[in-house]
């Protein structure tokens, strides 16, 4: 009975920490622009949409379609990710 609530709270906390770490690392690396952040934004939106679908009991074709579109968009926008410079 309490397990879904606990898991939802944990997911929300992890999302908030993850977004803050993501923003801090982008600022530290000096990465600007929206295109390089679109992959992460798509993945965060996918988690949020599926959480809302679980809360409001709206799991179905629409949720699956939105999730699939967000995965495809996230994969497409990986070409805009900055190339990491190795320290070797």
PDB file of N, CA and C in Angstrom:
ATOM      1  N   UNK A   1       0.810  -1.190   0.000  1.00  0.00           N
ATOM      2  CA  UNK A   1       0.000   0.000   0.000  1.00  0.00           C
ATOM      3  C   UNK A   1       0.862   1.267   0.000  1.00  0.00           C
ATOM      4  N   UNK A   2       1.897   1.287   0.833  1.00  0.00           N
ATOM      5  CA  UNK A   2       2.746   2.466   0.909  1.00  0.00           C
ATOM      6  C   UNK A   2       3.899   2.425  -0.083  1.00  0.00           C
ATOM      7  N   UNK A   3       4.164   1.275  -0.660  1.00  0.00           N
ATOM      8  CA  UNK A   3       5.310   1.129  -1.549  1.00  0.00           C
ATOM      9  C   UNK A   3       5.224   2.026  -2.793  1.00  0.00           C
ATOM     10  N   UNK A   4       4.092   2.116  -3.495  1.00  0.00           N
ATOM     11  CA  UNK A   4       4.028   3.027  -4.647  1.00  0.00           C
ATOM     12  C   UNK A   4       4.261   4.488  -4.261  1.00  0.00           C
ATOM     13  N   UNK A   5       3.771   4.882  -3.110  1.00  0.00           N
ATOM     14  CA  UNK A   5       3.977   6.256  -2.650  1.00  0.00           C
ATOM     15  C   UNK A   5       5.447   6.506  -2.353  1.00  0.00           C
ATOM     16  N   UNK A   6       6.079   5.566  -1.695  1.00  0.00           N
ATOM     17  CA  UNK A   6       7.499   5.702  -1.374  1.00  0.00           C
ATOM     18  C   UNK A   6       8.324   5.754  -2.647  1.00  0.00           C
ATOM     19  N   UNK A   7       8.020   4.905  -3.614  1.00  0.00           N
ATOM     20  CA  UNK A   7       8.763   4.901  -4.870  1.00  0.00           C
ATOM     21  C   UNK A   7       8.546   6.194  -5.657  1.00  0.00           C
ATOM     22  N   UNK A   8       7.345   6.738  -5.609  1.00  0.00           N
ATOM     23  CA  UNK A   8       7.075   8.015  -6.280  1.00  0.00           C
ATOM     24  C   UNK A   8       7.873   9.144  -5.641  1.00  0.00           C
ATOM     25  N   UNK A   9       7.929   9.170  -4.333  1.00  0.00           N
ATOM     26  CA  UNK A   9       8.698  10.199  -3.628  1.00  0.00           C
ATOM     27  C   UNK A   9      10.180  10.059  -3.946  1.00  0.00           C
ATOM     28  N   UNK A  10      10.673   8.836  -3.953  1.00  0.00           N
ATOM     29  CA  UNK A  10      12.088   8.606  -4.284  1.00  0.00           C
ATOM     30  C   UNK A  10      12.380   9.065  -5.703  1.00  0.00           C
ATOM     31  N   UNK A  11      11.491   8.762  -6.646  1.00  0.00           N
ATOM     32  CA  UNK A  11      11.692   9.195  -8.030  1.00  0.00           C
ATOM     33  C   UNK A  11      11.724  10.713  -8.135  1.00  0.00           C
ATOM     34  N   UNK A  12      10.835  11.390  -7.439  1.00  0.00           N
ATOM     35  CA  UNK A  12      10.810  12.856  -7.475  1.00  0.00           C
ATOM     36  C   UNK A  12      12.098  13.424  -6.884  1.00  0.00           C
ATOM     37  N   UNK A  13      12.549  12.881  -5.771  1.00  0.00           N
ATOM     38  CA  UNK A  13      13.793  13.355  -5.165  1.00  0.00           C
ATOM     39  C   UNK A  13      14.994  13.115  -6.071  1.00  0.00           C
ATOM     40  N   UNK A  14      15.056  11.941  -6.672  1.00  0.00           N
ATOM     41  CA  UNK A  14      16.165  11.631  -7.574  1.00  0.00           C
ATOM     42  C   UNK A  14      16.134  12.540  -8.800  1.00  0.00           C
ATOM     43  N   UNK A  15      14.961  12.821  -9.331  1.00  0.00           N
ATOM     44  CA  UNK A  15      14.849  13.740 -10.459  1.00  0.00           C
ATOM     45  C   UNK A  15      15.326  15.139 -10.091  1.00  0.00           C
ATOM     46  N   UNK A  16      14.944  15.620  -8.923  1.00  0.00           N
ATOM     47  CA  UNK A  16      15.368  16.960  -8.504  1.00  0.00           C
ATOM     48  C   UNK A  16      16.887  17.026  -8.321  1.00  0.00           C
ATOM     49  N   UNK A  17      17.464  16.023  -7.687  1.00  0.00           N
ATOM     50  CA  UNK A  17      18.926  15.994  -7.508  1.00  0.00           C
ATOM     51  C   UNK A  17      19.619  15.875  -8.856  1.00  0.00           C
ATOM     52  N   UNK A  18      19.091  15.041  -9.723  1.00  0.00           N
ATOM     53  CA  UNK A  18      19.698  14.839 -11.031  1.00  0.00           C
ATOM     54  C   UNK A  18      19.674  16.114 -11.873  1.00  0.00           C
ATOM     55  N   UNK A  19      18.563  16.830 -11.846  1.00  0.00           N
ATOM     56  CA  UNK A  19      18.471  18.074 -12.608  1.00  0.00           C
ATOM     57  C   UNK A  19      19.452  19.104 -12.061  1.00  0.00           C
ATOM     58  N   UNK A  20      19.558  19.203 -10.733  1.00  0.00           N
ATOM     59  CA  UNK A  20      20.487  20.181 -10.167  1.00  0.00           C
ATOM     60  C   UNK A  20      21.938  19.831 -10.487  1.00  0.00           C
ATOM     61  N   UNK A  21      22.291  18.552 -10.445  1.00  0.00           N
ATOM     62  CA  UNK A  21      23.646  18.137 -10.805  1.00  0.00           C
ATOM     63  C   UNK A  21      23.903  18.403 -12.283  1.00  0.00           C
ATOM     64  N   UNK A  22      22.920  18.137 -13.116  1.00  0.00           N
ATOM     65  CA  UNK A  22      23.053  18.377 -14.550  1.00  0.00           C
ATOM     66  C   UNK A  22      23.312  19.855 -14.844  1.00  0.00           C
ATOM     67  N   UNK A  23      22.550  20.727 -14.210  1.00  0.00           N
ATOM     68  CA  UNK A  23      22.714  22.172 -14.431  1.00  0.00           C
ATOM     69  C   UNK A  23      24.073  22.640 -13.919  1.00  0.00           C
ATOM     70  N   UNK A  24      24.479  22.177 -12.743  1.00  0.00           N
ATOM     71  CA  UNK A  24      25.775  22.574 -12.190  1.00  0.00           C
ATOM     72  C   UNK A  24      26.928  22.117 -13.074  1.00  0.00           C
ATOM     73  N   UNK A  25      26.856  20.899 -13.587  1.00  0.00           N
ATOM     74  CA  UNK A  25      27.935  20.401 -14.447  1.00  0.00           C
ATOM     75  C   UNK A  25      28.001  21.150 -15.767  1.00  0.00           C
ATOM     76  N   UNK A  26      26.851  21.529 -16.302  1.00  0.00           N
ATOM     77  CA  UNK A  26      26.845  22.318 -17.544  1.00  0.00           C
ATOM     78  C   UNK A  26      27.467  23.682 -17.310  1.00  0.00           C
ATOM     79  N   UNK A  27      27.145  24.318 -16.180  1.00  0.00           N
ATOM     80  CA  UNK A  27      27.727  25.620 -15.875  1.00  0.00           C
ATOM     81  C   UNK A  27      29.229  25.502 -15.639  1.00  0.00           C
ATOM     82  N   UNK A  28      29.638  24.453 -14.933  1.00  0.00           N
ATOM     83  CA  UNK A  28      31.064  24.252 -14.642  1.00  0.00           C
ATOM     84  C   UNK A  28      31.853  24.011 -15.921  1.00  0.00           C
ATOM     85  N   UNK A  29      31.274  23.278 -16.859  1.00  0.00           N
ATOM     86  CA  UNK A  29      31.947  22.979 -18.119  1.00  0.00           C
ATOM     87  C   UNK A  29      31.848  24.137 -19.107  1.00  0.00           C
ATOM     88  N   UNK A  30      31.002  25.112 -18.820  1.00  0.00           N
ATOM     89  CA  UNK A  30      30.836  26.248 -19.711  1.00  0.00           C
ATOM     90  C   UNK A  30      30.029  25.929 -20.952  1.00  0.00           C
ATOM     91  N   UNK A  31      29.204  24.910 -20.864  1.00  0.00           N
ATOM     92  CA  UNK A  31      28.366  24.520 -22.002  1.00  0.00           C
ATOM     93  C   UNK A  31      27.127  25.403 -22.008  1.00  0.00           C
ATOM     94  N   UNK A  32      26.856  26.028 -23.150  1.00  0.00           N
ATOM     95  CA  UNK A  32      25.677  26.871 -23.271  1.00  0.00           C
ATOM     96  C   UNK A  32      24.834  26.387 -24.442  1.00  0.00           C
ATOM     97  N   UNK A  33      23.652  26.915 -24.541  1.00  0.00           N
ATOM     98  CA  UNK A  33      22.762  26.544 -25.638  1.00  0.00           C
ATOM     99  C   UNK A  33      21.806  25.448 -25.240  1.00  0.00           C
ATOM    100  N   UNK A  34      20.669  25.463 -25.875  1.00  0.00           N
ATOM    101  CA  UNK A  34      19.608  24.507 -25.561  1.00  0.00           C
ATOM    102  C   UNK A  34      19.787  23.185 -26.296  1.00  0.00           C
ATOM    103  N   UNK A  35      20.425  23.224 -27.463  1.00  0.00           N
ATOM    104  CA  UNK A  35      20.516  22.001 -28.261  1.00  0.00           C
ATOM    105  C   UNK A  35      21.289  20.904 -27.544  1.00  0.00           C
ATOM    106  N   UNK A  36      22.329  21.266 -26.816  1.00  0.00           N
ATOM    107  CA  UNK A  36      23.115  20.254 -26.125  1.00  0.00           C
ATOM    108  C   UNK A  36      22.404  19.713 -24.886  1.00  0.00           C
ATOM    109  N   UNK A  37      21.346  20.368 -24.441  1.00  0.00           N
ATOM    110  CA  UNK A  37      20.596  19.901 -23.275  1.00  0.00           C
ATOM    111  C   UNK A  37      19.343  19.132 -23.647  1.00  0.00           C
ATOM    112  N   UNK A  38      18.997  19.078 -24.929  1.00  0.00           N
ATOM    113  CA  UNK A  38      17.727  18.475 -25.331  1.00  0.00           C
ATOM    114  C   UNK A  38      17.646  16.974 -25.058  1.00  0.00           C
ATOM    115  N   UNK A  39      18.759  16.264 -25.133  1.00  0.00           N
ATOM    116  CA  UNK A  39      18.728  14.832 -24.832  1.00  0.00           C
ATOM    117  C   UNK A  39      18.310  14.605 -23.385  1.00  0.00           C
ATOM    118  N   UNK A  40      18.931  15.329 -22.474  1.00  0.00           N
ATOM    119  CA  UNK A  40      18.586  15.175 -21.062  1.00  0.00           C
ATOM    120  C   UNK A  40      17.170  15.648 -20.784  1.00  0.00           C
ATOM    121  N   UNK A  41      16.750  16.717 -21.421  1.00  0.00           N
ATOM    122  CA  UNK A  41      15.391  17.218 -21.229  1.00  0.00           C
ATOM    123  C   UNK A  41      14.369  16.176 -21.673  1.00  0.00           C
ATOM    124  N   UNK A  42      14.624  15.519 -22.795  1.00  0.00           N
ATOM    125  CA  UNK A  42      13.710  14.465 -23.273  1.00  0.00           C
ATOM    126  C   UNK A  42      13.632  13.316 -22.275  1.00  0.00           C
ATOM    127  N   UNK A  43      14.768  12.927 -21.712  1.00  0.00           N
ATOM    128  CA  UNK A  43      14.760  11.822 -20.748  1.00  0.00           C
ATOM    129  C   UNK A  43      14.055  12.219 -19.453  1.00  0.00           C
ATOM    130  N   UNK A  44      14.253  13.459 -19.000  1.00  0.00           N
ATOM    131  CA  UNK A  44      13.545  13.917 -17.807  1.00  0.00           C
ATOM    132  C   UNK A  44      12.034  13.981 -18.063  1.00  0.00           C
ATOM    133  N   UNK A  45      11.645  14.488 -19.226  1.00  0.00           N
ATOM    134  CA  UNK A  45      10.217  14.549 -19.560  1.00  0.00           C
ATOM    135  C   UNK A  45       9.597  13.158 -19.621  1.00  0.00           C
ATOM    136  N   UNK A  46      10.357  12.207 -20.125  1.00  0.00           N
ATOM    137  CA  UNK A  46       9.853  10.843 -20.203  1.00  0.00           C
ATOM    138  C   UNK A  46       9.569  10.300 -18.796  1.00  0.00           C
ATOM    139  N   UNK A  47      10.470  10.540 -17.865  1.00  0.00           N
ATOM    140  CA  UNK A  47      10.249  10.081 -16.492  1.00  0.00           C
ATOM    141  C   UNK A  47       9.043  10.772 -15.869  1.00  0.00           C
ATOM    142  N   UNK A  48       8.904  12.063 -16.092  1.00  0.00           N
ATOM    143  CA  UNK A  48       7.792  12.819 -15.511  1.00  0.00           C
ATOM    144  C   UNK A  48       6.458  12.374 -16.103  1.00  0.00           C
ATOM    145  N   UNK A  49       6.413  12.184 -17.413  1.00  0.00           N
ATOM    146  CA  UNK A  49       5.164  11.762 -18.058  1.00  0.00           C
ATOM    147  C   UNK A  49       4.748  10.374 -17.584  1.00  0.00           C
ATOM    148  N   UNK A  50       5.703   9.478 -17.453  1.00  0.00           N
ATOM    149  CA  UNK A  50       5.353   8.136 -16.973  1.00  0.00           C
ATOM    150  C   UNK A  50       4.945   8.146 -15.503  1.00  0.00           C
ATOM    151  N   UNK A  51       5.520   9.043 -14.715  1.00  0.00           N
ATOM    152  CA  UNK A  51       5.093   9.168 -13.322  1.00  0.00           C
ATOM    153  C   UNK A  51       3.657   9.692 -13.248  1.00  0.00           C
ATOM    154  N   UNK A  52       3.333  10.715 -14.051  1.00  0.00           N
ATOM    155  CA  UNK A  52       1.955  11.213 -14.094  1.00  0.00           C
ATOM    156  C   UNK A  52       0.999  10.143 -14.607  1.00  0.00           C
ATOM    157  N   UNK A  53       1.427   9.374 -15.581  1.00  0.00           N
ATOM    158  CA  UNK A  53       0.571   8.300 -16.100  1.00  0.00           C
ATOM    159  C   UNK A  53       0.288   7.269 -15.008  1.00  0.00           C
ATOM    160  N   UNK A  54       1.277   7.011 -14.170  1.00  0.00           N
ATOM    161  CA  UNK A  54       1.064   6.070 -13.067  1.00  0.00           C
ATOM    162  C   UNK A  54       0.131   6.665 -12.017  1.00  0.00           C
ATOM    163  N   UNK A  55       0.356   7.931 -11.668  1.00  0.00           N
ATOM    164  CA  UNK A  55      -0.474   8.565 -10.642  1.00  0.00           C
ATOM    165  C   UNK A  55      -1.923   8.653 -11.051  1.00  0.00           C
ATOM    166  N   UNK A  56      -2.177   9.051 -12.283  1.00  0.00           N
ATOM    167  CA  UNK A  56      -3.552   9.285 -12.739  1.00  0.00           C
ATOM    168  C   UNK A  56      -4.136   8.096 -13.493  1.00  0.00           C
ATOM    169  N   UNK A  57      -3.448   6.963 -13.447  1.00  0.00           N
ATOM    170  CA  UNK A  57      -3.920   5.720 -14.068  1.00  0.00           C
ATOM    171  C   UNK A  57      -4.240   5.945 -15.552  1.00  0.00           C
ATOM    172  N   UNK A  58      -3.281   6.536 -16.242  1.00  0.00           N
ATOM    173  CA  UNK A  58      -3.450   6.859 -17.655  1.00  0.00           C
ATOM    174  C   UNK A  58      -2.405   6.136 -18.504  1.00  0.00           C
ATOM    175  N   UNK A  59      -2.147   4.878 -18.182  1.00  0.00           N
ATOM    176  CA  UNK A  59      -1.201   4.092 -18.964  1.00  0.00           C
ATOM    177  C   UNK A  59      -1.920   3.552 -20.184  1.00  0.00           C
ATOM    178  N   UNK A  60      -1.368   3.815 -21.332  1.00  0.00           N
ATOM    179  CA  UNK A  60      -2.011   3.353 -22.544  1.00  0.00           C
ATOM    180  C   UNK A  60      -1.218   3.741 -23.771  1.00  0.00           C
ATOM    181  N   UNK A  61      -1.906   3.729 -24.892  1.00  0.00           N
ATOM    182  CA  UNK A  61      -1.269   3.988 -26.180  1.00  0.00           C
ATOM    183  C   UNK A  61      -0.686   5.401 -26.229  1.00  0.00           C
ATOM    184  N   UNK A  62      -1.382   6.373 -25.662  1.00  0.00           N
ATOM    185  CA  UNK A  62      -0.903   7.758 -25.704  1.00  0.00           C
ATOM    186  C   UNK A  62       0.407   7.889 -24.931  1.00  0.00           C
ATOM    187  N   UNK A  63       0.456   7.318 -23.736  1.00  0.00           N
ATOM    188  CA  UNK A  63       1.676   7.390 -22.934  1.00  0.00           C
ATOM    189  C   UNK A  63       2.828   6.679 -23.620  1.00  0.00           C
ATOM    190  N   UNK A  64       2.563   5.523 -24.172  1.00  0.00           N
ATOM    191  CA  UNK A  64       3.613   4.784 -24.886  1.00  0.00           C
ATOM    192  C   UNK A  64       4.090   5.554 -26.111  1.00  0.00           C
ATOM    193  N   UNK A  65       3.176   6.187 -26.813  1.00  0.00           N
ATOM    194  CA  UNK A  65       3.550   6.965 -27.995  1.00  0.00           C
ATOM    195  C   UNK A  65       4.414   8.158 -27.614  1.00  0.00           C
ATOM    196  N   UNK A  66       4.023   8.871 -26.582  1.00  0.00           N
ATOM    197  CA  UNK A  66       4.813  10.020 -26.131  1.00  0.00           C
ATOM    198  C   UNK A  66       6.198   9.567 -25.670  1.00  0.00           C
ATOM    199  N   UNK A  67       6.255   8.462 -24.936  1.00  0.00           N
ATOM    200  CA  UNK A  67       7.542   7.936 -24.479  1.00  0.00           C
ATOM    201  C   UNK A  67       8.426   7.552 -25.654  1.00  0.00           C
ATOM    202  N   UNK A  68       7.856   6.892 -26.645  1.00  0.00           N
ATOM    203  CA  UNK A  68       8.633   6.493 -27.822  1.00  0.00           C
ATOM    204  C   UNK A  68       9.137   7.711 -28.589  1.00  0.00           C
ATOM    205  N   UNK A  69       8.293   8.722 -28.746  1.00  0.00           N
ATOM    206  CA  UNK A  69       8.714   9.936 -29.441  1.00  0.00           C
ATOM    207  C   UNK A  69       9.830  10.630 -28.669  1.00  0.00           C
ATOM    208  N   UNK A  70       9.733  10.685 -27.344  1.00  0.00           N
ATOM    209  CA  UNK A  70      10.782  11.318 -26.551  1.00  0.00           C
ATOM    210  C   UNK A  70      12.096  10.548 -26.623  1.00  0.00           C
ATOM    211  N   UNK A  71      12.030   9.220 -26.685  1.00  0.00           N
ATOM    212  CA  UNK A  71      13.257   8.429 -26.848  1.00  0.00           C
ATOM    213  C   UNK A  71      13.896   8.729 -28.196  1.00  0.00           C
ATOM    214  N   UNK A  72      13.100   8.756 -29.245  1.00  0.00           N
ATOM    215  CA  UNK A  72      13.635   9.035 -30.585  1.00  0.00           C
ATOM    216  C   UNK A  72      14.227  10.441 -30.638  1.00  0.00           C
ATOM    217  N   UNK A  73      13.539  11.426 -30.052  1.00  0.00           N
ATOM    218  CA  UNK A  73      14.079  12.792 -30.024  1.00  0.00           C
ATOM    219  C   UNK A  73      15.367  12.860 -29.212  1.00  0.00           C
ATOM    220  N   UNK A  74      15.403  12.158 -28.091  1.00  0.00           N
ATOM    221  CA  UNK A  74      16.620  12.136 -27.280  1.00  0.00           C
ATOM    222  C   UNK A  74      17.797  11.545 -28.032  1.00  0.00           C
ATOM    223  N   UNK A  75      17.549  10.486 -28.764  1.00  0.00           N
ATOM    224  CA  UNK A  75      18.612   9.875 -29.567  1.00  0.00           C
ATOM    225  C   UNK A  75      19.044  10.814 -30.685  1.00  0.00           C
ATOM    226  N   UNK A  76      18.100  11.483 -31.301  1.00  0.00           N
ATOM    227  CA  UNK A  76      18.426  12.392 -32.388  1.00  0.00           C
ATOM    228  C   UNK A  76      19.299  13.552 -31.902  1.00  0.00           C
ATOM    229  N   UNK A  77      18.976  14.099 -30.749  1.00  0.00           N
ATOM    230  CA  UNK A  77      19.701  15.259 -30.257  1.00  0.00           C
ATOM    231  C   UNK A  77      21.043  14.922 -29.609  1.00  0.00           C
ATOM    232  N   UNK A  78      21.415  13.633 -29.541  1.00  0.00           N
ATOM    233  CA  UNK A  78      22.742  13.309 -29.016  1.00  0.00           C
ATOM    234  C   UNK A  78      23.853  13.839 -29.911  1.00  0.00           C
ATOM    235  N   UNK A  79      23.554  14.136 -31.154  1.00  0.00           N
ATOM    236  CA  UNK A  79      24.589  14.666 -32.031  1.00  0.00           C
ATOM    237  C   UNK A  79      25.004  16.074 -31.625  1.00  0.00           C
ATOM    238  N   UNK A  80      24.212  16.743 -30.814  1.00  0.00           N
ATOM    239  CA  UNK A  80      24.552  18.082 -30.350  1.00  0.00           C
ATOM    240  C   UNK A  80      25.286  18.079 -29.010  1.00  0.00           C
ATOM    241  N   UNK A  81      25.507  16.903 -28.416  1.00  0.00           N
ATOM    242  CA  UNK A  81      26.221  16.847 -27.153  1.00  0.00           C
ATOM    243  C   UNK A  81      27.677  17.257 -27.376  1.00  0.00           C
ATOM    244  N   UNK A  82      28.249  18.011 -26.435  1.00  0.00           N
ATOM    245  CA  UNK A  82      29.648  18.408 -26.599  1.00  0.00           C
ATOM    246  C   UNK A  82      30.573  17.204 -26.462  1.00  0.00           C
ATOM    247  N   UNK A  83      31.648  17.222 -27.225  1.00  0.00           N
ATOM    248  CA  UNK A  83      32.614  16.125 -27.190  1.00  0.00           C
ATOM    249  C   UNK A  83      33.480  16.291 -25.953  1.00  0.00           C
ATOM    250  N   UNK A  84      33.593  15.227 -25.199  1.00  0.00           N
ATOM    251  CA  UNK A  84      34.390  15.251 -23.979  1.00  0.00           C
ATOM    252  C   UNK A  84      35.866  15.160 -24.325  1.00  0.00           C
ATOM    253  N   UNK A  85      36.655  15.989 -23.683  1.00  0.00           N
ATOM    254  CA  UNK A  85      38.105  15.959 -23.899  1.00  0.00           C
ATOM    255  C   UNK A  85      38.722  15.077 -22.833  1.00  0.00           C
ATOM    256  N   UNK A  86      39.433  14.039 -23.257  1.00  0.00           N
ATOM    257  CA  UNK A  86      40.052  13.124 -22.304  1.00  0.00           C
ATOM    258  C   UNK A  86      41.302  13.780 -21.712  1.00  0.00           C
ATOM    259  N   UNK A  87      41.662  13.359 -20.522  1.00  0.00           N
ATOM    260  CA  UNK A  87      42.791  13.943 -19.796  1.00  0.00           C
ATOM    261  C   UNK A  87      44.061  13.132 -19.980  1.00  0.00           C
ATOM    262  N   UNK A  88      44.132  12.291 -20.989  1.00  0.00           N
ATOM    263  CA  UNK A  88      45.324  11.455 -21.182  1.00  0.00           C
ATOM    264  C   UNK A  88      46.368  12.131 -22.023  1.00  0.00           C
TER     265      UNK A  88
END
